[in-house]
Amino acid sequence: MIPRYQKILFGTLLLASLVMGVVLWQLRERAHQRMIAGQDAAPTSAPEVAPTEQASLVVANDSDSSLLTQIHSLPLSSDPGARARAVLGKLLDLYAAPGSTHPVPGGGNSVAQVFLLPAPDAGASPQNAPQNGPQLAVVNLTGSFAASHPSGIEAETLTVLSICGTLSANLPRVTEVRFLVDGQQRATLAGHADLTRTYLTADAVPQP
């Protein structure tokens, strides 16, 4: 004959098992409903991809110190800042590629950001500049790019002018360019080209 205390213990364990089973079933149902809700809320369309367009790159050539226009197809955003970074990234990728006419290490990741601001008129502040008027591009280069850039007035000037010309060719409103390195003003690119001044894109006209 089973003692009474064992019957009570067995009944308690059975009741606890039933309660745990109900709780686990409820938790499973809640998790299933959350998963379904998450699937319903997830976007069904693919992320937007920038359309491929033709971009004009003003490419430096060390053999004759020239600037020549090359046409390349690449995805370009409608956002002007992202567009500027994309064309400059492609330009620096060309310089980092084997057989480059203007060898410079670093590639497209050497352009950290490009900021577009209203270009101030003589005596006018950027806040008072026309909304659709000329623009000043601020190109923020990485410190590693500046550190590895070949030193020399000609090599550095060609890099600076090719960047200015490429910006002007793809964003015609850009008439002035300033440079930062790691977000800070730097005296020169690699010891020669002055980065404290504002460059005019009109000075970076490629040869026909």
N, C-alpha and C. Protein backbone atom coordinates (compact mmCIF):
# COMPACT_ATOMS: atom_id res chain seq x y z
N MET A 1 0.86 -1.19 0.00
CA MET A 1 0.00 0.00 0.00
C MET A 1 0.91 1.26 0.00
N ILE A 2 0.56 2.22 -0.90
CA ILE A 2 1.35 3.43 -1.03
C ILE A 2 1.05 4.38 0.13
N PRO A 3 2.09 4.83 0.79
CA PRO A 3 1.86 5.76 1.92
C PRO A 3 1.21 7.05 1.43
N ARG A 4 0.50 7.69 2.34
CA ARG A 4 -0.26 8.90 1.99
C ARG A 4 0.65 10.04 1.55
N TYR A 5 1.81 10.18 2.21
CA TYR A 5 2.69 11.30 1.87
C TYR A 5 3.24 11.16 0.45
N GLN A 6 3.44 9.88 0.01
CA GLN A 6 3.92 9.67 -1.35
C GLN A 6 2.84 10.03 -2.38
N LYS A 7 1.58 9.74 -2.04
CA LYS A 7 0.48 10.14 -2.92
C LYS A 7 0.42 11.66 -3.07
N ILE A 8 0.58 12.36 -1.92
CA ILE A 8 0.53 13.82 -1.96
C ILE A 8 1.70 14.36 -2.79
N LEU A 9 2.91 13.77 -2.58
CA LEU A 9 4.08 14.22 -3.33
C LEU A 9 3.90 13.98 -4.83
N PHE A 10 3.37 12.78 -5.17
CA PHE A 10 3.16 12.46 -6.58
C PHE A 10 2.14 13.41 -7.21
N GLY A 11 1.07 13.71 -6.48
CA GLY A 11 0.06 14.63 -7.00
C GLY A 11 0.60 16.03 -7.20
N THR A 12 1.45 16.45 -6.25
CA THR A 12 2.05 17.80 -6.37
C THR A 12 2.96 17.89 -7.59
N LEU A 13 3.78 16.84 -7.79
CA LEU A 13 4.68 16.82 -8.94
C LEU A 13 3.90 16.78 -10.25
N LEU A 14 2.81 16.01 -10.27
CA LEU A 14 2.00 15.94 -11.48
C LEU A 14 1.37 17.28 -11.80
N LEU A 15 0.85 17.96 -10.76
CA LEU A 15 0.25 19.27 -10.96
C LEU A 15 1.28 20.28 -11.45
N ALA A 16 2.50 20.23 -10.86
CA ALA A 16 3.56 21.15 -11.29
C ALA A 16 3.95 20.91 -12.74
N SER A 17 3.98 19.63 -13.14
CA SER A 17 4.32 19.31 -14.52
C SER A 17 3.28 19.84 -15.48
N LEU A 18 2.00 19.72 -15.10
CA LEU A 18 0.93 20.24 -15.95
C LEU A 18 1.01 21.76 -16.09
N VAL A 19 1.29 22.44 -14.96
CA VAL A 19 1.40 23.90 -14.99
C VAL A 19 2.57 24.33 -15.87
N MET A 20 3.72 23.64 -15.72
CA MET A 20 4.88 23.98 -16.53
C MET A 20 4.61 23.75 -18.02
N GLY A 21 3.87 22.69 -18.31
CA GLY A 21 3.53 22.41 -19.70
C GLY A 21 2.68 23.52 -20.30
N VAL A 22 1.70 24.02 -19.52
CA VAL A 22 0.83 25.10 -20.00
C VAL A 22 1.64 26.38 -20.21
N VAL A 23 2.54 26.68 -19.26
CA VAL A 23 3.36 27.88 -19.37
C VAL A 23 4.26 27.81 -20.60
N LEU A 24 4.91 26.68 -20.81
CA LEU A 24 5.79 26.53 -21.97
C LEU A 24 5.02 26.65 -23.28
N TRP A 25 3.81 26.10 -23.31
CA TRP A 25 3.00 26.19 -24.52
C TRP A 25 2.63 27.65 -24.81
N GLN A 26 2.28 28.41 -23.75
CA GLN A 26 1.95 29.81 -23.93
C GLN A 26 3.17 30.62 -24.41
N LEU A 27 4.34 30.34 -23.82
CA LEU A 27 5.54 31.05 -24.25
C LEU A 27 5.87 30.73 -25.70
N ARG A 28 5.68 29.49 -26.11
CA ARG A 28 5.93 29.11 -27.50
C ARG A 28 5.00 29.85 -28.43
N GLU A 29 3.73 29.97 -28.07
CA GLU A 29 2.76 30.67 -28.91
C GLU A 29 3.11 32.16 -29.02
N ARG A 30 3.53 32.77 -27.92
CA ARG A 30 3.90 34.18 -27.96
C ARG A 30 5.11 34.41 -28.86
N ALA A 31 6.11 33.52 -28.74
CA ALA A 31 7.30 33.65 -29.58
C ALA A 31 6.94 33.49 -31.05
N HIS A 32 6.01 32.56 -31.33
CA HIS A 32 5.58 32.34 -32.72
C HIS A 32 4.87 33.57 -33.26
N GLN A 33 4.03 34.19 -32.44
CA GLN A 33 3.31 35.40 -32.88
C GLN A 33 4.26 36.55 -33.11
N ARG A 34 5.29 36.70 -32.25
CA ARG A 34 6.28 37.76 -32.45
C ARG A 34 7.07 37.55 -33.74
N MET A 35 7.39 36.29 -34.04
CA MET A 35 8.13 35.99 -35.26
C MET A 35 7.30 36.35 -36.49
N ILE A 36 6.00 36.01 -36.45
CA ILE A 36 5.13 36.33 -37.58
C ILE A 36 5.00 37.85 -37.73
N ALA A 37 4.85 38.55 -36.60
CA ALA A 37 4.73 40.00 -36.65
C ALA A 37 6.00 40.63 -37.21
N GLY A 38 7.18 40.08 -36.82
CA GLY A 38 8.43 40.61 -37.35
C GLY A 38 8.55 40.39 -38.84
N GLN A 39 8.08 39.25 -39.34
CA GLN A 39 8.12 38.99 -40.77
C GLN A 39 7.20 39.92 -41.52
N ASP A 40 6.05 40.21 -40.94
CA ASP A 40 5.10 41.13 -41.59
C ASP A 40 5.66 42.53 -41.66
N ALA A 41 6.43 42.92 -40.59
CA ALA A 41 6.96 44.29 -40.55
C ALA A 41 8.21 44.46 -41.38
N ALA A 42 8.86 43.35 -41.75
CA ALA A 42 10.10 43.45 -42.52
C ALA A 42 9.81 43.97 -43.92
N PRO A 43 10.69 44.78 -44.48
CA PRO A 43 10.47 45.28 -45.83
C PRO A 43 10.50 44.14 -46.84
N THR A 44 9.60 44.19 -47.80
CA THR A 44 9.52 43.15 -48.82
C THR A 44 10.27 43.55 -50.08
N SER A 45 10.58 44.84 -50.21
CA SER A 45 11.28 45.30 -51.40
C SER A 45 12.78 45.32 -51.15
N ALA A 46 13.55 45.13 -52.19
CA ALA A 46 15.01 45.15 -52.08
C ALA A 46 15.48 46.57 -51.83
N PRO A 47 16.61 46.74 -51.14
CA PRO A 47 17.12 48.09 -50.90
C PRO A 47 17.42 48.80 -52.21
N GLU A 48 17.22 50.11 -52.20
CA GLU A 48 17.42 50.89 -53.41
C GLU A 48 18.89 50.93 -53.80
N VAL A 49 19.15 50.68 -55.06
CA VAL A 49 20.51 50.69 -55.58
C VAL A 49 20.67 51.90 -56.48
N ALA A 50 21.76 52.63 -56.28
CA ALA A 50 22.00 53.83 -57.10
C ALA A 50 22.15 53.43 -58.56
N PRO A 51 21.51 54.16 -59.47
CA PRO A 51 21.63 53.83 -60.89
C PRO A 51 23.03 54.11 -61.42
N THR A 52 23.43 53.34 -62.42
CA THR A 52 24.73 53.54 -63.05
C THR A 52 24.67 54.70 -64.01
N GLU A 53 25.61 55.61 -63.88
CA GLU A 53 25.69 56.77 -64.76
C GLU A 53 27.12 56.95 -65.25
N GLN A 54 27.26 57.79 -66.25
CA GLN A 54 28.59 58.12 -66.74
C GLN A 54 29.14 59.29 -65.94
N ALA A 55 30.34 59.12 -65.42
CA ALA A 55 31.00 60.16 -64.63
C ALA A 55 32.28 60.60 -65.35
N SER A 56 32.55 61.88 -65.29
CA SER A 56 33.77 62.44 -65.89
C SER A 56 34.83 62.59 -64.81
N LEU A 57 35.92 61.86 -64.97
CA LEU A 57 37.01 61.93 -64.00
C LEU A 57 38.19 62.67 -64.63
N VAL A 58 38.70 63.65 -63.93
CA VAL A 58 39.85 64.41 -64.40
C VAL A 58 41.10 63.73 -63.82
N VAL A 59 41.80 63.00 -64.67
CA VAL A 59 42.88 62.11 -64.23
C VAL A 59 44.24 62.73 -64.53
N ALA A 60 45.11 62.69 -63.54
CA ALA A 60 46.47 63.25 -63.68
C ALA A 60 47.38 62.25 -64.39
N ASN A 61 48.32 62.79 -65.14
CA ASN A 61 49.32 61.98 -65.83
C ASN A 61 50.70 62.55 -65.50
N ASP A 62 51.49 61.75 -64.81
CA ASP A 62 52.81 62.23 -64.36
C ASP A 62 53.80 62.40 -65.51
N SER A 63 53.60 61.68 -66.61
CA SER A 63 54.59 61.71 -67.69
C SER A 63 54.70 63.08 -68.34
N ASP A 64 53.58 63.80 -68.40
CA ASP A 64 53.62 65.14 -68.99
C ASP A 64 52.93 66.19 -68.13
N SER A 65 52.65 65.84 -66.85
CA SER A 65 52.02 66.76 -65.90
C SER A 65 50.69 67.30 -66.42
N SER A 66 49.92 66.43 -67.07
CA SER A 66 48.66 66.87 -67.66
C SER A 66 47.47 66.36 -66.86
N LEU A 67 46.32 66.95 -67.14
CA LEU A 67 45.04 66.52 -66.61
C LEU A 67 44.15 66.16 -67.80
N LEU A 68 43.69 64.91 -67.84
CA LEU A 68 42.88 64.45 -68.97
C LEU A 68 41.56 63.88 -68.45
N THR A 69 40.49 64.12 -69.18
CA THR A 69 39.17 63.63 -68.79
C THR A 69 38.96 62.20 -69.25
N GLN A 70 38.53 61.34 -68.33
CA GLN A 70 38.15 59.97 -68.65
C GLN A 70 36.70 59.77 -68.24
N ILE A 71 35.96 59.01 -69.05
CA ILE A 71 34.56 58.71 -68.75
C ILE A 71 34.47 57.30 -68.17
N HIS A 72 33.83 57.19 -67.02
CA HIS A 72 33.64 55.89 -66.37
C HIS A 72 32.17 55.75 -65.96
N SER A 73 31.67 54.52 -66.04
CA SER A 73 30.31 54.23 -65.58
C SER A 73 30.38 53.70 -64.15
N LEU A 74 29.61 54.31 -63.26
CA LEU A 74 29.58 53.87 -61.88
C LEU A 74 28.26 54.29 -61.24
N PRO A 75 27.83 53.57 -60.20
CA PRO A 75 26.58 53.93 -59.52
C PRO A 75 26.72 55.26 -58.80
N LEU A 76 25.79 56.17 -59.07
CA LEU A 76 25.86 57.50 -58.48
C LEU A 76 24.54 57.82 -57.79
N SER A 77 24.62 58.21 -56.55
CA SER A 77 23.45 58.59 -55.77
C SER A 77 22.94 59.95 -56.23
N SER A 78 21.66 60.20 -55.97
CA SER A 78 21.10 61.52 -56.27
C SER A 78 21.52 62.55 -55.22
N ASP A 79 22.01 62.07 -54.08
CA ASP A 79 22.49 62.99 -53.03
C ASP A 79 23.83 63.57 -53.46
N PRO A 80 23.96 64.90 -53.53
CA PRO A 80 25.20 65.51 -54.04
C PRO A 80 26.44 65.13 -53.24
N GLY A 81 26.33 65.06 -51.92
CA GLY A 81 27.49 64.71 -51.11
C GLY A 81 27.97 63.29 -51.38
N ALA A 82 27.01 62.35 -51.44
CA ALA A 82 27.37 60.96 -51.73
C ALA A 82 27.90 60.82 -53.15
N ARG A 83 27.35 61.61 -54.07
CA ARG A 83 27.80 61.60 -55.46
C ARG A 83 29.25 62.08 -55.55
N ALA A 84 29.56 63.14 -54.82
CA ALA A 84 30.92 63.67 -54.82
C ALA A 84 31.90 62.65 -54.26
N ARG A 85 31.53 61.99 -53.18
CA ARG A 85 32.42 60.98 -52.58
C ARG A 85 32.62 59.80 -53.53
N ALA A 86 31.58 59.43 -54.27
CA ALA A 86 31.69 58.29 -55.19
C ALA A 86 32.66 58.57 -56.33
N VAL A 87 32.56 59.76 -56.93
CA VAL A 87 33.45 60.06 -58.06
C VAL A 87 34.90 60.23 -57.59
N LEU A 88 35.09 60.81 -56.41
CA LEU A 88 36.45 60.94 -55.90
C LEU A 88 37.02 59.58 -55.49
N GLY A 89 36.16 58.72 -54.96
CA GLY A 89 36.60 57.37 -54.62
C GLY A 89 37.08 56.62 -55.84
N LYS A 90 36.33 56.74 -56.94
CA LYS A 90 36.74 56.09 -58.18
C LYS A 90 38.05 56.67 -58.71
N LEU A 91 38.20 57.98 -58.61
CA LEU A 91 39.43 58.63 -59.05
C LEU A 91 40.64 58.09 -58.29
N LEU A 92 40.52 58.01 -56.97
CA LEU A 92 41.64 57.53 -56.17
C LEU A 92 41.86 56.03 -56.34
N ASP A 93 40.80 55.29 -56.69
CA ASP A 93 40.98 53.88 -57.03
C ASP A 93 41.85 53.74 -58.29
N LEU A 94 41.64 54.63 -59.26
CA LEU A 94 42.48 54.61 -60.46
C LEU A 94 43.94 54.87 -60.12
N TYR A 95 44.17 55.81 -59.21
CA TYR A 95 45.55 56.14 -58.83
C TYR A 95 46.23 54.99 -58.09
N ALA A 96 45.45 54.20 -57.36
CA ALA A 96 46.02 53.09 -56.58
C ALA A 96 46.17 51.81 -57.41
N ALA A 97 45.62 51.80 -58.63
CA ALA A 97 45.65 50.59 -59.46
C ALA A 97 47.02 50.40 -60.11
N PRO A 98 47.39 49.17 -60.41
CA PRO A 98 48.66 48.92 -61.11
C PRO A 98 48.68 49.63 -62.47
N GLY A 99 49.82 50.16 -62.84
CA GLY A 99 49.94 50.85 -64.11
C GLY A 99 49.32 52.23 -64.15
N SER A 100 49.03 52.80 -62.98
CA SER A 100 48.40 54.12 -62.92
C SER A 100 49.31 55.19 -63.54
N THR A 101 48.69 56.16 -64.19
CA THR A 101 49.46 57.28 -64.75
C THR A 101 49.87 58.27 -63.66
N HIS A 102 49.31 58.09 -62.46
CA HIS A 102 49.65 58.98 -61.33
C HIS A 102 49.58 58.12 -60.06
N PRO A 103 50.59 57.31 -59.81
CA PRO A 103 50.52 56.34 -58.71
C PRO A 103 50.45 57.00 -57.33
N VAL A 104 49.35 56.72 -56.65
CA VAL A 104 49.17 57.20 -55.27
C VAL A 104 48.48 56.09 -54.49
N PRO A 105 49.05 55.62 -53.38
CA PRO A 105 48.40 54.56 -52.60
C PRO A 105 47.14 55.07 -51.90
N GLY A 106 46.32 54.14 -51.49
CA GLY A 106 45.16 54.50 -50.66
C GLY A 106 43.83 54.07 -51.23
N GLY A 107 43.55 54.45 -52.46
CA GLY A 107 42.28 54.08 -53.08
C GLY A 107 41.10 54.88 -52.57
N GLY A 108 39.90 54.41 -52.93
CA GLY A 108 38.68 55.15 -52.66
C GLY A 108 38.38 55.39 -51.20
N ASN A 109 38.87 54.50 -50.31
CA ASN A 109 38.61 54.69 -48.88
C ASN A 109 39.38 55.87 -48.30
N SER A 110 40.24 56.50 -49.11
CA SER A 110 41.01 57.65 -48.64
C SER A 110 40.16 58.91 -48.52
N VAL A 111 38.96 58.88 -49.11
CA VAL A 111 38.03 60.02 -48.99
C VAL A 111 37.06 59.70 -47.86
N ALA A 112 37.23 60.35 -46.73
CA ALA A 112 36.37 60.08 -45.58
C ALA A 112 34.98 60.70 -45.77
N GLN A 113 34.92 61.97 -46.10
CA GLN A 113 33.65 62.67 -46.34
C GLN A 113 33.88 63.79 -47.34
N VAL A 114 32.76 64.20 -47.96
CA VAL A 114 32.76 65.42 -48.77
C VAL A 114 31.56 66.24 -48.33
N PHE A 115 31.81 67.47 -47.88
CA PHE A 115 30.74 68.36 -47.45
C PHE A 115 30.56 69.45 -48.51
N LEU A 116 29.31 69.76 -48.83
CA LEU A 116 29.01 70.81 -49.80
C LEU A 116 28.33 71.96 -49.08
N LEU A 117 28.92 73.14 -49.20
CA LEU A 117 28.41 74.33 -48.53
C LEU A 117 28.24 75.45 -49.55
N PRO A 118 27.38 76.43 -49.27
CA PRO A 118 27.30 77.59 -50.17
C PRO A 118 28.64 78.31 -50.21
N ALA A 119 29.11 78.63 -51.39
CA ALA A 119 30.38 79.36 -51.52
C ALA A 119 30.14 80.83 -51.21
N PRO A 120 30.83 81.39 -50.25
CA PRO A 120 30.61 82.80 -49.91
C PRO A 120 31.09 83.73 -51.01
N ASP A 121 30.27 84.72 -51.31
CA ASP A 121 30.70 85.77 -52.24
C ASP A 121 31.69 86.67 -51.51
N ALA A 122 32.34 87.51 -52.24
CA ALA A 122 33.27 88.46 -51.61
C ALA A 122 32.50 89.33 -50.62
N GLY A 123 32.87 89.23 -49.36
CA GLY A 123 32.23 90.03 -48.34
C GLY A 123 30.91 89.46 -47.84
N ALA A 124 30.51 88.29 -48.34
CA ALA A 124 29.24 87.70 -47.90
C ALA A 124 29.52 86.42 -47.12
N SER A 125 28.68 86.13 -46.14
CA SER A 125 28.84 84.90 -45.37
C SER A 125 28.12 83.76 -46.06
N PRO A 126 28.49 82.48 -45.76
CA PRO A 126 27.79 81.36 -46.37
C PRO A 126 26.30 81.35 -46.07
N GLN A 127 25.90 81.90 -44.90
CA GLN A 127 24.48 81.91 -44.55
C GLN A 127 23.67 82.81 -45.49
N ASN A 128 24.33 83.83 -46.05
CA ASN A 128 23.63 84.77 -46.92
C ASN A 128 23.83 84.46 -48.41
N ALA A 129 24.54 83.37 -48.70
CA ALA A 129 24.79 83.02 -50.10
C ALA A 129 23.52 82.49 -50.74
N PRO A 130 23.35 82.66 -52.06
CA PRO A 130 22.16 82.15 -52.75
C PRO A 130 22.04 80.64 -52.58
N GLN A 131 20.81 80.16 -52.39
CA GLN A 131 20.58 78.74 -52.13
C GLN A 131 20.99 77.87 -53.31
N ASN A 132 20.81 78.35 -54.52
CA ASN A 132 21.17 77.59 -55.71
C ASN A 132 22.43 78.14 -56.38
N GLY A 133 23.21 78.86 -55.61
CA GLY A 133 24.41 79.48 -56.16
C GLY A 133 25.61 78.56 -56.10
N PRO A 134 26.79 79.11 -56.30
CA PRO A 134 28.03 78.31 -56.29
C PRO A 134 28.23 77.63 -54.94
N GLN A 135 28.95 76.51 -55.00
CA GLN A 135 29.19 75.74 -53.78
C GLN A 135 30.67 75.59 -53.49
N LEU A 136 30.95 75.46 -52.20
CA LEU A 136 32.28 75.14 -51.71
C LEU A 136 32.27 73.68 -51.27
N ALA A 137 33.17 72.87 -51.82
CA ALA A 137 33.30 71.47 -51.41
C ALA A 137 34.43 71.36 -50.41
N VAL A 138 34.15 70.73 -49.27
CA VAL A 138 35.17 70.46 -48.27
C VAL A 138 35.46 68.96 -48.32
N VAL A 139 36.66 68.61 -48.77
CA VAL A 139 37.05 67.21 -48.94
C VAL A 139 37.89 66.79 -47.74
N ASN A 140 37.39 65.82 -47.00
CA ASN A 140 38.09 65.32 -45.81
C ASN A 140 38.82 64.03 -46.18
N LEU A 141 40.14 64.12 -46.28
CA LEU A 141 40.97 62.97 -46.62
C LEU A 141 41.44 62.27 -45.34
N THR A 142 41.82 61.01 -45.48
CA THR A 142 42.32 60.28 -44.33
C THR A 142 43.80 60.60 -44.09
N GLY A 143 44.21 60.47 -42.84
CA GLY A 143 45.61 60.70 -42.50
C GLY A 143 46.54 59.72 -43.18
N SER A 144 46.09 58.47 -43.36
CA SER A 144 46.93 57.46 -44.01
C SER A 144 47.19 57.81 -45.47
N PHE A 145 46.19 58.44 -46.13
CA PHE A 145 46.39 58.85 -47.52
C PHE A 145 47.46 59.93 -47.60
N ALA A 146 47.37 60.93 -46.73
CA ALA A 146 48.36 62.01 -46.73
C ALA A 146 49.74 61.49 -46.38
N ALA A 147 49.81 60.55 -45.42
CA ALA A 147 51.10 60.03 -44.99
C ALA A 147 51.80 59.22 -46.08
N SER A 148 51.01 58.55 -46.94
CA SER A 148 51.60 57.69 -47.96
C SER A 148 51.71 58.37 -49.32
N HIS A 149 51.22 59.61 -49.43
CA HIS A 149 51.25 60.29 -50.73
C HIS A 149 52.69 60.63 -51.12
N PRO A 150 53.07 60.38 -52.36
CA PRO A 150 54.42 60.75 -52.80
C PRO A 150 54.67 62.24 -52.60
N SER A 151 55.84 62.57 -52.05
CA SER A 151 56.16 63.97 -51.76
C SER A 151 56.75 64.63 -53.00
N GLY A 152 56.36 65.88 -53.21
CA GLY A 152 56.86 66.62 -54.36
C GLY A 152 55.81 67.61 -54.81
N ILE A 153 56.20 68.80 -55.16
CA ILE A 153 55.25 69.84 -55.52
C ILE A 153 54.40 69.43 -56.71
N GLU A 154 55.02 68.78 -57.72
CA GLU A 154 54.27 68.42 -58.92
C GLU A 154 53.27 67.31 -58.63
N ALA A 155 53.70 66.25 -57.95
CA ALA A 155 52.81 65.13 -57.66
C ALA A 155 51.65 65.56 -56.78
N GLU A 156 51.92 66.35 -55.76
CA GLU A 156 50.86 66.79 -54.84
C GLU A 156 49.89 67.74 -55.53
N THR A 157 50.42 68.65 -56.35
CA THR A 157 49.55 69.60 -57.04
C THR A 157 48.64 68.90 -58.03
N LEU A 158 49.16 67.89 -58.73
CA LEU A 158 48.33 67.14 -59.68
C LEU A 158 47.18 66.43 -58.95
N THR A 159 47.46 65.87 -57.79
CA THR A 159 46.40 65.21 -57.02
C THR A 159 45.32 66.22 -56.63
N VAL A 160 45.74 67.34 -56.09
CA VAL A 160 44.78 68.37 -55.65
C VAL A 160 43.95 68.88 -56.82
N LEU A 161 44.62 69.20 -57.94
CA LEU A 161 43.89 69.74 -59.09
C LEU A 161 42.97 68.71 -59.72
N SER A 162 43.39 67.44 -59.74
CA SER A 162 42.52 66.42 -60.32
C SER A 162 41.26 66.22 -59.48
N ILE A 163 41.40 66.33 -58.17
CA ILE A 163 40.22 66.26 -57.29
C ILE A 163 39.29 67.44 -57.55
N CYS A 164 39.86 68.63 -57.64
CA CYS A 164 39.05 69.83 -57.92
C CYS A 164 38.35 69.70 -59.28
N GLY A 165 39.08 69.27 -60.30
CA GLY A 165 38.49 69.16 -61.63
C GLY A 165 37.41 68.10 -61.70
N THR A 166 37.59 66.98 -61.00
CA THR A 166 36.58 65.91 -60.99
C THR A 166 35.31 66.37 -60.30
N LEU A 167 35.45 67.10 -59.20
CA LEU A 167 34.27 67.64 -58.52
C LEU A 167 33.52 68.60 -59.43
N SER A 168 34.22 69.48 -60.10
CA SER A 168 33.58 70.46 -60.97
C SER A 168 32.90 69.79 -62.16
N ALA A 169 33.52 68.73 -62.70
CA ALA A 169 32.96 68.06 -63.87
C ALA A 169 31.65 67.35 -63.56
N ASN A 170 31.48 66.89 -62.32
CA ASN A 170 30.29 66.12 -61.96
C ASN A 170 29.30 66.90 -61.12
N LEU A 171 29.75 67.97 -60.51
CA LEU A 171 28.88 68.85 -59.74
C LEU A 171 29.22 70.28 -60.15
N PRO A 172 28.63 70.76 -61.24
CA PRO A 172 29.03 72.05 -61.82
C PRO A 172 28.90 73.23 -60.87
N ARG A 173 28.07 73.11 -59.83
CA ARG A 173 27.92 74.22 -58.90
C ARG A 173 29.14 74.39 -57.99
N VAL A 174 29.98 73.36 -57.91
CA VAL A 174 31.18 73.44 -57.07
C VAL A 174 32.21 74.30 -57.78
N THR A 175 32.52 75.42 -57.19
CA THR A 175 33.50 76.35 -57.77
C THR A 175 34.74 76.51 -56.90
N GLU A 176 34.64 76.07 -55.64
CA GLU A 176 35.77 76.20 -54.71
C GLU A 176 35.91 74.90 -53.93
N VAL A 177 37.15 74.59 -53.56
CA VAL A 177 37.43 73.35 -52.81
C VAL A 177 38.42 73.65 -51.70
N ARG A 178 38.11 73.11 -50.53
CA ARG A 178 39.06 73.14 -49.42
C ARG A 178 39.32 71.71 -48.95
N PHE A 179 40.45 71.51 -48.30
CA PHE A 179 40.85 70.16 -47.89
C PHE A 179 41.07 70.09 -46.38
N LEU A 180 40.64 68.99 -45.81
CA LEU A 180 40.94 68.63 -44.43
C LEU A 180 41.62 67.26 -44.44
N VAL A 181 42.32 66.94 -43.38
CA VAL A 181 42.91 65.62 -43.20
C VAL A 181 42.51 65.13 -41.82
N ASP A 182 41.77 64.02 -41.79
CA ASP A 182 41.21 63.50 -40.53
C ASP A 182 40.41 64.57 -39.80
N GLY A 183 39.69 65.39 -40.58
CA GLY A 183 38.82 66.40 -39.99
C GLY A 183 39.51 67.64 -39.49
N GLN A 184 40.82 67.74 -39.71
CA GLN A 184 41.58 68.88 -39.21
C GLN A 184 42.29 69.58 -40.38
N GLN A 185 42.53 70.88 -40.20
CA GLN A 185 43.30 71.60 -41.20
C GLN A 185 44.75 71.13 -41.13
N ARG A 186 45.35 70.98 -42.30
CA ARG A 186 46.73 70.51 -42.40
C ARG A 186 47.49 71.48 -43.30
N ALA A 187 48.75 71.72 -42.98
CA ALA A 187 49.52 72.72 -43.72
C ALA A 187 49.72 72.32 -45.18
N THR A 188 50.15 71.08 -45.40
CA THR A 188 50.40 70.61 -46.77
C THR A 188 49.89 69.19 -46.92
N LEU A 189 49.82 68.74 -48.17
CA LEU A 189 49.40 67.36 -48.41
C LEU A 189 50.51 66.39 -48.01
N ALA A 190 51.70 66.58 -48.58
CA ALA A 190 52.84 65.72 -48.23
C ALA A 190 54.12 66.53 -48.18
N GLY A 191 53.99 67.79 -47.75
CA GLY A 191 55.16 68.64 -47.60
C GLY A 191 55.23 69.80 -48.57
N HIS A 192 54.33 69.84 -49.58
CA HIS A 192 54.44 70.88 -50.60
C HIS A 192 53.11 71.56 -50.92
N ALA A 193 52.12 70.83 -51.42
CA ALA A 193 50.85 71.44 -51.83
C ALA A 193 50.13 72.04 -50.63
N ASP A 194 49.84 73.32 -50.70
CA ASP A 194 49.23 74.07 -49.61
C ASP A 194 47.78 73.65 -49.41
N LEU A 195 47.46 73.14 -48.22
CA LEU A 195 46.08 72.75 -47.92
C LEU A 195 45.37 73.77 -47.03
N THR A 196 46.02 74.90 -46.76
CA THR A 196 45.37 75.93 -45.95
C THR A 196 44.57 76.90 -46.82
N ARG A 197 44.76 76.83 -48.12
CA ARG A 197 44.10 77.78 -49.03
C ARG A 197 42.84 77.17 -49.62
N THR A 198 42.04 78.01 -50.25
CA THR A 198 40.87 77.57 -51.02
C THR A 198 41.26 77.48 -52.48
N TYR A 199 40.97 76.34 -53.10
CA TYR A 199 41.29 76.13 -54.51
C TYR A 199 40.07 76.44 -55.37
N LEU A 200 40.29 77.06 -56.51
CA LEU A 200 39.25 77.33 -57.47
C LEU A 200 39.21 76.21 -58.51
N THR A 201 38.05 75.67 -58.77
CA THR A 201 37.95 74.59 -59.75
C THR A 201 38.28 75.09 -61.16
N ALA A 202 38.17 76.38 -61.39
CA ALA A 202 38.51 76.94 -62.71
C ALA A 202 39.99 76.76 -63.02
N ASP A 203 40.82 76.55 -61.96
CA ASP A 203 42.25 76.35 -62.18
C ASP A 203 42.59 74.90 -62.54
N ALA A 204 41.58 74.02 -62.51
CA ALA A 204 41.82 72.60 -62.77
C ALA A 204 41.13 72.20 -64.07
N VAL A 205 41.43 72.90 -65.14
CA VAL A 205 40.80 72.62 -66.44
C VAL A 205 41.61 71.55 -67.16
N PRO A 206 41.00 70.39 -67.48
CA PRO A 206 41.76 69.35 -68.19
C PRO A 206 42.12 69.77 -69.60
N GLN A 207 43.17 69.17 -70.12
CA GLN A 207 43.58 69.48 -71.49
C GLN A 207 42.66 68.80 -72.48
N PRO A 208 42.36 69.44 -73.61
CA PRO A 208 41.45 68.84 -74.58
C PRO A 208 42.07 67.63 -75.25
